[in-house]
Amino acid sequence: MKLIANGRIWIETTEGPFLGYGRIELLEKIGELGSLKKAATAMKLSYRQAWDFVDQMNKRTGHPLVIMERGGKNGGGASLTPKGEAAIRLFHELNTSFQQFLVTAAARMEE
């Protein structure tokens, strides 16, 4: 029988959740679409829930991950800061390492 170890990774602060799969996807969609509203729609989230996630992430780190621009005649927008782009990369690196660890650990259990 082949053993498979499964797991998900997320990062928290003492104040609560900081980064996980859903929040990383939200950051990626903001980077791709340039809009919190469009990112929320693409993920089937309410705008309010998406806004809350961004607000929490921005407050729980020393550097904002997303810059929001209010609407106006040209509409608003949202963009990732360099720290936001780095957070996405680092989360994916951490997740890749974690998944490799799970594969290795499961293989060792089969020995």
N, C-alpha and C. Protein backbone atom coordinates (compact mmCIF):
# COMPACT_ATOMS: atom_id res chain seq x y z
N MET A 1 0.85 -1.17 0.00
CA MET A 1 0.00 0.00 0.00
C MET A 1 0.91 1.24 0.00
N LYS A 2 0.60 2.20 -0.84
CA LYS A 2 1.35 3.45 -0.91
C LYS A 2 0.75 4.46 0.05
N LEU A 3 1.59 5.04 0.87
CA LEU A 3 1.14 6.06 1.82
C LEU A 3 1.29 7.44 1.20
N ILE A 4 0.31 8.25 1.43
CA ILE A 4 0.32 9.62 0.93
C ILE A 4 0.06 10.54 2.11
N ALA A 5 0.99 11.46 2.34
CA ALA A 5 0.81 12.45 3.41
C ALA A 5 0.23 13.71 2.79
N ASN A 6 -0.79 14.24 3.41
CA ASN A 6 -1.42 15.47 2.92
C ASN A 6 -1.33 16.55 3.99
N GLY A 7 -1.30 17.78 3.53
CA GLY A 7 -1.28 18.88 4.47
C GLY A 7 -1.38 20.20 3.73
N ARG A 8 -1.82 21.20 4.45
CA ARG A 8 -1.90 22.56 3.91
C ARG A 8 -1.12 23.46 4.85
N ILE A 9 -0.59 24.49 4.29
CA ILE A 9 0.21 25.40 5.08
C ILE A 9 -0.44 26.77 5.09
N TRP A 10 -0.34 27.45 6.20
CA TRP A 10 -0.79 28.84 6.30
C TRP A 10 0.11 29.52 7.32
N ILE A 11 0.11 30.82 7.26
CA ILE A 11 0.94 31.62 8.16
C ILE A 11 0.03 32.51 8.97
N GLU A 12 0.27 32.55 10.28
CA GLU A 12 -0.54 33.37 11.18
C GLU A 12 0.34 34.37 11.92
N THR A 13 -0.29 35.37 12.47
CA THR A 13 0.37 36.26 13.41
C THR A 13 -0.32 36.06 14.75
N THR A 14 0.14 36.75 15.76
CA THR A 14 -0.54 36.65 17.05
C THR A 14 -1.95 37.24 16.98
N GLU A 15 -2.22 38.03 15.93
CA GLU A 15 -3.54 38.65 15.76
C GLU A 15 -4.49 37.81 14.91
N GLY A 16 -3.99 36.74 14.30
CA GLY A 16 -4.85 35.88 13.50
C GLY A 16 -4.23 35.52 12.17
N PRO A 17 -5.04 34.97 11.25
CA PRO A 17 -4.54 34.53 9.95
C PRO A 17 -3.85 35.65 9.18
N PHE A 18 -2.76 35.27 8.49
CA PHE A 18 -2.04 36.22 7.67
C PHE A 18 -2.04 35.77 6.21
N LEU A 19 -1.47 34.63 5.92
CA LEU A 19 -1.43 34.13 4.54
C LEU A 19 -1.80 32.65 4.50
N GLY A 20 -2.56 32.29 3.49
CA GLY A 20 -2.92 30.91 3.22
C GLY A 20 -3.26 30.83 1.74
N TYR A 21 -3.71 29.67 1.30
CA TYR A 21 -4.00 29.47 -0.12
C TYR A 21 -4.97 30.50 -0.68
N GLY A 22 -6.06 30.76 0.03
CA GLY A 22 -7.07 31.69 -0.47
C GLY A 22 -6.55 33.11 -0.55
N ARG A 23 -5.82 33.54 0.45
CA ARG A 23 -5.30 34.90 0.46
C ARG A 23 -4.22 35.07 -0.61
N ILE A 24 -3.42 34.04 -0.82
CA ILE A 24 -2.41 34.11 -1.89
C ILE A 24 -3.11 34.20 -3.24
N GLU A 25 -4.17 33.40 -3.43
CA GLU A 25 -4.91 33.49 -4.69
C GLU A 25 -5.48 34.89 -4.88
N LEU A 26 -5.99 35.48 -3.81
CA LEU A 26 -6.52 36.84 -3.89
C LEU A 26 -5.43 37.82 -4.30
N LEU A 27 -4.26 37.72 -3.69
CA LEU A 27 -3.14 38.59 -4.07
C LEU A 27 -2.77 38.40 -5.54
N GLU A 28 -2.73 37.16 -5.98
CA GLU A 28 -2.39 36.88 -7.38
C GLU A 28 -3.43 37.48 -8.33
N LYS A 29 -4.70 37.35 -7.98
CA LYS A 29 -5.76 37.92 -8.82
C LYS A 29 -5.69 39.44 -8.85
N ILE A 30 -5.38 40.07 -7.73
CA ILE A 30 -5.23 41.52 -7.70
C ILE A 30 -4.09 41.92 -8.62
N GLY A 31 -2.98 41.20 -8.54
CA GLY A 31 -1.84 41.49 -9.41
C GLY A 31 -2.17 41.32 -10.88
N GLU A 32 -2.96 40.31 -11.18
CA GLU A 32 -3.34 40.00 -12.57
C GLU A 32 -4.38 40.98 -13.10
N LEU A 33 -5.38 41.32 -12.29
CA LEU A 33 -6.52 42.08 -12.76
C LEU A 33 -6.46 43.57 -12.41
N GLY A 34 -5.61 43.95 -11.46
CA GLY A 34 -5.47 45.35 -11.09
C GLY A 34 -6.67 45.95 -10.38
N SER A 35 -7.51 45.08 -9.79
CA SER A 35 -8.73 45.56 -9.16
C SER A 35 -9.15 44.57 -8.08
N LEU A 36 -9.47 45.10 -6.91
CA LEU A 36 -9.98 44.25 -5.84
C LEU A 36 -11.36 43.70 -6.21
N LYS A 37 -12.20 44.53 -6.80
CA LYS A 37 -13.54 44.08 -7.18
C LYS A 37 -13.48 42.96 -8.21
N LYS A 38 -12.64 43.12 -9.22
CA LYS A 38 -12.51 42.06 -10.24
C LYS A 38 -11.92 40.79 -9.64
N ALA A 39 -10.95 40.94 -8.74
CA ALA A 39 -10.35 39.78 -8.09
C ALA A 39 -11.40 39.05 -7.25
N ALA A 40 -12.20 39.81 -6.49
CA ALA A 40 -13.25 39.20 -5.66
C ALA A 40 -14.26 38.46 -6.52
N THR A 41 -14.68 39.09 -7.61
CA THR A 41 -15.63 38.46 -8.52
C THR A 41 -15.07 37.17 -9.10
N ALA A 42 -13.81 37.20 -9.52
CA ALA A 42 -13.18 36.02 -10.11
C ALA A 42 -13.11 34.87 -9.11
N MET A 43 -13.00 35.20 -7.83
CA MET A 43 -12.90 34.18 -6.80
C MET A 43 -14.24 33.84 -6.16
N LYS A 44 -15.29 34.49 -6.61
CA LYS A 44 -16.63 34.30 -6.05
C LYS A 44 -16.67 34.68 -4.56
N LEU A 45 -15.96 35.77 -4.23
CA LEU A 45 -16.00 36.35 -2.89
C LEU A 45 -16.80 37.64 -2.95
N SER A 46 -17.38 38.02 -1.85
CA SER A 46 -17.99 39.34 -1.81
C SER A 46 -16.86 40.37 -1.78
N TYR A 47 -17.16 41.56 -2.27
CA TYR A 47 -16.17 42.63 -2.24
C TYR A 47 -15.75 42.90 -0.80
N ARG A 48 -16.71 42.89 0.10
CA ARG A 48 -16.43 43.17 1.52
C ARG A 48 -15.48 42.15 2.12
N GLN A 49 -15.69 40.88 1.80
CA GLN A 49 -14.83 39.83 2.33
C GLN A 49 -13.41 39.99 1.78
N ALA A 50 -13.30 40.26 0.48
CA ALA A 50 -11.98 40.47 -0.13
C ALA A 50 -11.29 41.68 0.49
N TRP A 51 -12.05 42.76 0.68
CA TRP A 51 -11.50 43.97 1.27
C TRP A 51 -11.00 43.68 2.69
N ASP A 52 -11.79 42.92 3.46
CA ASP A 52 -11.38 42.56 4.83
C ASP A 52 -10.07 41.76 4.82
N PHE A 53 -9.95 40.80 3.90
CA PHE A 53 -8.72 40.01 3.81
C PHE A 53 -7.51 40.91 3.53
N VAL A 54 -7.66 41.81 2.57
CA VAL A 54 -6.56 42.71 2.23
C VAL A 54 -6.24 43.62 3.41
N ASP A 55 -7.27 44.14 4.05
CA ASP A 55 -7.06 45.02 5.20
C ASP A 55 -6.32 44.28 6.31
N GLN A 56 -6.72 43.04 6.59
CA GLN A 56 -6.06 42.25 7.62
C GLN A 56 -4.59 42.00 7.26
N MET A 57 -4.33 41.61 6.01
CA MET A 57 -2.95 41.34 5.61
C MET A 57 -2.11 42.60 5.73
N ASN A 58 -2.66 43.73 5.27
CA ASN A 58 -1.90 44.97 5.33
C ASN A 58 -1.61 45.39 6.77
N LYS A 59 -2.55 45.14 7.68
CA LYS A 59 -2.36 45.54 9.07
C LYS A 59 -1.47 44.58 9.85
N ARG A 60 -1.39 43.33 9.41
CA ARG A 60 -0.66 42.32 10.17
C ARG A 60 0.80 42.20 9.75
N THR A 61 1.24 43.06 8.88
CA THR A 61 2.64 43.08 8.49
C THR A 61 3.13 44.52 8.62
N GLY A 62 4.42 44.67 8.70
CA GLY A 62 4.98 46.01 8.82
C GLY A 62 4.93 46.80 7.53
N HIS A 63 4.61 46.11 6.44
CA HIS A 63 4.59 46.74 5.12
C HIS A 63 3.33 46.31 4.39
N PRO A 64 2.60 47.23 3.79
CA PRO A 64 1.39 46.82 3.06
C PRO A 64 1.74 45.90 1.88
N LEU A 65 0.86 44.95 1.63
CA LEU A 65 1.02 44.05 0.49
C LEU A 65 0.26 44.54 -0.73
N VAL A 66 -0.80 45.33 -0.46
CA VAL A 66 -1.67 45.83 -1.53
C VAL A 66 -1.89 47.32 -1.30
N ILE A 67 -1.83 48.09 -2.38
CA ILE A 67 -2.17 49.51 -2.34
C ILE A 67 -3.51 49.66 -3.05
N MET A 68 -4.46 50.28 -2.37
CA MET A 68 -5.78 50.50 -2.93
C MET A 68 -5.90 51.94 -3.38
N GLU A 69 -6.49 52.14 -4.55
CA GLU A 69 -6.76 53.49 -5.06
C GLU A 69 -8.27 53.64 -5.14
N ARG A 70 -8.77 54.71 -4.57
CA ARG A 70 -10.22 54.95 -4.58
C ARG A 70 -10.70 55.20 -6.00
N GLY A 71 -11.99 54.97 -6.16
CA GLY A 71 -12.62 55.20 -7.46
C GLY A 71 -12.61 56.66 -7.84
N GLY A 72 -13.19 56.95 -8.91
CA GLY A 72 -13.23 58.31 -9.43
C GLY A 72 -13.68 58.21 -10.87
N LYS A 73 -13.39 59.22 -11.64
CA LYS A 73 -13.87 59.18 -13.02
C LYS A 73 -13.24 58.05 -13.82
N ASN A 74 -12.01 57.68 -13.46
CA ASN A 74 -11.36 56.55 -14.14
C ASN A 74 -11.49 55.25 -13.37
N GLY A 75 -12.23 55.27 -12.29
CA GLY A 75 -12.39 54.09 -11.46
C GLY A 75 -11.19 53.92 -10.55
N GLY A 76 -11.31 53.05 -9.59
CA GLY A 76 -10.22 52.81 -8.67
C GLY A 76 -9.35 51.68 -9.16
N GLY A 77 -8.58 51.15 -8.29
CA GLY A 77 -7.72 50.04 -8.66
C GLY A 77 -7.01 49.52 -7.44
N ALA A 78 -6.29 48.48 -7.63
CA ALA A 78 -5.49 47.89 -6.57
C ALA A 78 -4.24 47.33 -7.21
N SER A 79 -3.13 47.43 -6.51
CA SER A 79 -1.89 46.88 -7.04
C SER A 79 -1.07 46.30 -5.90
N LEU A 80 -0.25 45.33 -6.25
CA LEU A 80 0.62 44.71 -5.27
C LEU A 80 1.85 45.59 -5.06
N THR A 81 2.30 45.64 -3.83
CA THR A 81 3.56 46.30 -3.54
C THR A 81 4.68 45.27 -3.76
N PRO A 82 5.92 45.70 -3.78
CA PRO A 82 7.02 44.72 -3.84
C PRO A 82 6.94 43.69 -2.71
N LYS A 83 6.49 44.12 -1.51
CA LYS A 83 6.32 43.18 -0.40
C LYS A 83 5.21 42.17 -0.69
N GLY A 84 4.16 42.61 -1.38
CA GLY A 84 3.08 41.70 -1.76
C GLY A 84 3.57 40.67 -2.76
N GLU A 85 4.35 41.10 -3.74
CA GLU A 85 4.91 40.17 -4.73
C GLU A 85 5.86 39.18 -4.06
N ALA A 86 6.67 39.69 -3.11
CA ALA A 86 7.60 38.82 -2.39
C ALA A 86 6.84 37.81 -1.53
N ALA A 87 5.74 38.23 -0.91
CA ALA A 87 4.95 37.33 -0.07
C ALA A 87 4.42 36.16 -0.89
N ILE A 88 3.96 36.44 -2.11
CA ILE A 88 3.48 35.36 -2.99
C ILE A 88 4.61 34.38 -3.29
N ARG A 89 5.76 34.90 -3.70
CA ARG A 89 6.90 34.03 -4.02
C ARG A 89 7.32 33.19 -2.81
N LEU A 90 7.45 33.84 -1.66
CA LEU A 90 7.90 33.13 -0.47
C LEU A 90 6.89 32.08 -0.02
N PHE A 91 5.60 32.39 -0.13
CA PHE A 91 4.58 31.41 0.24
C PHE A 91 4.69 30.18 -0.67
N HIS A 92 4.85 30.41 -1.98
CA HIS A 92 4.97 29.27 -2.91
C HIS A 92 6.23 28.46 -2.63
N GLU A 93 7.34 29.13 -2.30
CA GLU A 93 8.57 28.41 -1.95
C GLU A 93 8.36 27.58 -0.70
N LEU A 94 7.74 28.17 0.31
CA LEU A 94 7.47 27.45 1.56
C LEU A 94 6.54 26.26 1.31
N ASN A 95 5.52 26.47 0.50
CA ASN A 95 4.58 25.40 0.20
C ASN A 95 5.26 24.26 -0.57
N THR A 96 6.12 24.61 -1.53
CA THR A 96 6.85 23.59 -2.29
C THR A 96 7.72 22.76 -1.35
N SER A 97 8.44 23.42 -0.46
CA SER A 97 9.28 22.71 0.51
C SER A 97 8.44 21.81 1.41
N PHE A 98 7.30 22.32 1.85
CA PHE A 98 6.41 21.55 2.71
C PHE A 98 5.88 20.31 1.99
N GLN A 99 5.46 20.47 0.74
CA GLN A 99 4.94 19.34 -0.02
C GLN A 99 6.04 18.29 -0.25
N GLN A 100 7.26 18.75 -0.51
CA GLN A 100 8.38 17.81 -0.68
C GLN A 100 8.65 17.06 0.62
N PHE A 101 8.57 17.78 1.74
CA PHE A 101 8.73 17.15 3.04
C PHE A 101 7.69 16.05 3.24
N LEU A 102 6.43 16.32 2.89
CA LEU A 102 5.37 15.32 3.06
C LEU A 102 5.63 14.08 2.23
N VAL A 103 6.08 14.26 0.99
CA VAL A 103 6.38 13.12 0.12
C VAL A 103 7.50 12.29 0.73
N THR A 104 8.55 12.95 1.18
CA THR A 104 9.69 12.27 1.77
C THR A 104 9.28 11.54 3.05
N ALA A 105 8.51 12.20 3.89
CA ALA A 105 8.09 11.58 5.15
C ALA A 105 7.22 10.35 4.89
N ALA A 106 6.33 10.44 3.93
CA ALA A 106 5.47 9.29 3.62
C ALA A 106 6.30 8.13 3.09
N ALA A 107 7.30 8.44 2.25
CA ALA A 107 8.16 7.39 1.70
C ALA A 107 8.96 6.70 2.81
N ARG A 108 9.40 7.48 3.78
CA ARG A 108 10.17 6.90 4.90
C ARG A 108 9.28 5.99 5.75
N MET A 109 8.01 6.29 5.83
CA MET A 109 7.09 5.45 6.61
C MET A 109 6.87 4.09 5.93
N GLU A 110 7.07 4.05 4.61
CA GLU A 110 6.87 2.80 3.87
C GLU A 110 8.06 1.85 3.99
N GLU A 111 9.20 2.37 4.45
CA GLU A 111 10.42 1.55 4.51
C GLU A 111 10.30 0.47 5.54
